[in-house]
Amino acid sequence: MSYLLDTNILSLAFKQNLQILQQLELVKTKEPSIYMSCISYFEIKRGLLAVKATKKSKDLMNFVRIIKLFY
């Protein structure tokens, strides 16, 4: 089974929501196919650019390297 994370889940993960992070770790151990849509990527990227969050932008790039970007 594959997972496609939506913008809400990704946003909570970047806000360090403990429940979301635990679930992502659980899923990652059981199923390596986790995806982020390009739409969600650009929604988050646009939000980070709007508030000039350069560290979070780097975190986003690291996160994208871990999961697959779904076009």
C-alpha atoms as a PDB file:
ATOM      1  CA  MET A   1       0.000   0.000   0.000  1.00  0.00           C
ATOM      2  CA  SER A   2       1.156   3.522  -0.780  1.00  0.00           C
ATOM      3  CA  TYR A   3       0.380   6.734   1.062  1.00  0.00           C
ATOM      4  CA  LEU A   4      -0.168  10.162  -0.470  1.00  0.00           C
ATOM      5  CA  LEU A   5       0.126  12.831   2.216  1.00  0.00           C
ATOM      6  CA  ASP A   6      -2.071  15.889   1.854  1.00  0.00           C
ATOM      7  CA  THR A   7      -1.133  19.454   2.706  1.00  0.00           C
ATOM      8  CA  ASN A   8      -2.789  19.381   6.132  1.00  0.00           C
ATOM      9  CA  ILE A   9      -0.766  16.366   7.283  1.00  0.00           C
ATOM     10  CA  LEU A  10       2.452  17.799   5.883  1.00  0.00           C
ATOM     11  CA  SER A  11       1.794  21.138   7.536  1.00  0.00           C
ATOM     12  CA  LEU A  12       1.252  19.459  10.900  1.00  0.00           C
ATOM     13  CA  ALA A  13       4.426  17.435  10.435  1.00  0.00           C
ATOM     14  CA  PHE A  14       6.428  20.619   9.850  1.00  0.00           C
ATOM     15  CA  LYS A  15       4.851  22.128  12.971  1.00  0.00           C
ATOM     16  CA  GLN A  16       6.269  19.131  14.868  1.00  0.00           C
ATOM     17  CA  ASN A  17       2.873  17.677  15.802  1.00  0.00           C
ATOM     18  CA  LEU A  18       3.860  14.679  17.898  1.00  0.00           C
ATOM     19  CA  GLN A  19       0.874  12.517  16.929  1.00  0.00           C
ATOM     20  CA  ILE A  20       1.489  13.052  13.195  1.00  0.00           C
ATOM     21  CA  LEU A  21       5.227  12.434  13.520  1.00  0.00           C
ATOM     22  CA  GLN A  22       4.614   9.179  15.398  1.00  0.00           C
ATOM     23  CA  GLN A  23       2.159   7.987  12.751  1.00  0.00           C
ATOM     24  CA  LEU A  24       4.609   8.862   9.967  1.00  0.00           C
ATOM     25  CA  GLU A  25       7.339   6.883  11.707  1.00  0.00           C
ATOM     26  CA  LEU A  26       4.989   3.924  12.089  1.00  0.00           C
ATOM     27  CA  VAL A  27       3.993   4.054   8.430  1.00  0.00           C
ATOM     28  CA  LYS A  28       7.606   4.460   7.342  1.00  0.00           C
ATOM     29  CA  THR A  29       8.619   1.260   9.126  1.00  0.00           C
ATOM     30  CA  LYS A  30       5.805  -0.747   7.566  1.00  0.00           C
ATOM     31  CA  GLU A  31       5.509   0.751   4.102  1.00  0.00           C
ATOM     32  CA  PRO A  32       8.259   2.623   2.294  1.00  0.00           C
ATOM     33  CA  SER A  33       5.985   4.126  -0.382  1.00  0.00           C
ATOM     34  CA  ILE A  34       5.072   7.547   0.991  1.00  0.00           C
ATOM     35  CA  TYR A  35       4.364  10.326  -1.471  1.00  0.00           C
ATOM     36  CA  MET A  36       3.783  14.063  -1.473  1.00  0.00           C
ATOM     37  CA  SER A  37       1.855  15.591  -4.358  1.00  0.00           C
ATOM     38  CA  CYS A  38       3.469  18.397  -6.275  1.00  0.00           C
ATOM     39  CA  ILE A  39       0.427  20.528  -5.423  1.00  0.00           C
ATOM     40  CA  SER A  40       1.001  20.021  -1.687  1.00  0.00           C
ATOM     41  CA  TYR A  41       4.692  20.746  -2.158  1.00  0.00           C
ATOM     42  CA  PHE A  42       3.998  24.065  -3.840  1.00  0.00           C
ATOM     43  CA  GLU A  43       1.313  25.018  -1.307  1.00  0.00           C
ATOM     44  CA  ILE A  44       3.758  24.509   1.546  1.00  0.00           C
ATOM     45  CA  LYS A  45       6.641  26.101  -0.332  1.00  0.00           C
ATOM     46  CA  ARG A  46       4.499  29.170  -1.124  1.00  0.00           C
ATOM     47  CA  GLY A  47       3.551  29.505   2.555  1.00  0.00           C
ATOM     48  CA  LEU A  48       7.157  29.238   3.679  1.00  0.00           C
ATOM     49  CA  LEU A  49       8.274  31.822   1.141  1.00  0.00           C
ATOM     50  CA  ALA A  50       5.502  34.190   2.239  1.00  0.00           C
ATOM     51  CA  VAL A  51       6.813  34.246   5.811  1.00  0.00           C
ATOM     52  CA  LYS A  52      10.482  34.003   4.750  1.00  0.00           C
ATOM     53  CA  ALA A  53      11.043  30.791   6.704  1.00  0.00           C
ATOM     54  CA  THR A  54      14.408  29.773   5.282  1.00  0.00           C
ATOM     55  CA  LYS A  55      15.146  27.054   7.860  1.00  0.00           C
ATOM     56  CA  LYS A  56      11.745  25.450   7.296  1.00  0.00           C
ATOM     57  CA  SER A  57      12.365  25.615   3.540  1.00  0.00           C
ATOM     58  CA  LYS A  58      15.528  23.582   4.054  1.00  0.00           C
ATOM     59  CA  ASP A  59      13.544  21.148   6.208  1.00  0.00           C
ATOM     60  CA  LEU A  60      11.045  20.797   3.362  1.00  0.00           C
ATOM     61  CA  MET A  61      13.823  19.933   0.921  1.00  0.00           C
ATOM     62  CA  ASN A  62      15.196  17.307   3.326  1.00  0.00           C
ATOM     63  CA  PHE A  63      11.715  15.859   3.729  1.00  0.00           C
ATOM     64  CA  VAL A  64      11.261  15.645  -0.040  1.00  0.00           C
ATOM     65  CA  ARG A  65      14.481  13.657  -0.264  1.00  0.00           C
ATOM     66  CA  ILE A  66      13.084  11.102   2.189  1.00  0.00           C
ATOM     67  CA  ILE A  67       9.701  10.632   0.517  1.00  0.00           C
ATOM     68  CA  LYS A  68       8.772  10.573  -3.128  1.00  0.00           C
ATOM     69  CA  LEU A  69       7.295  13.565  -4.922  1.00  0.00           C
ATOM     70  CA  PHE A  70       4.219  12.535  -6.872  1.00  0.00           C
ATOM     71  CA  TYR A  71       3.575  14.465 -10.088  1.00  0.00           C
END
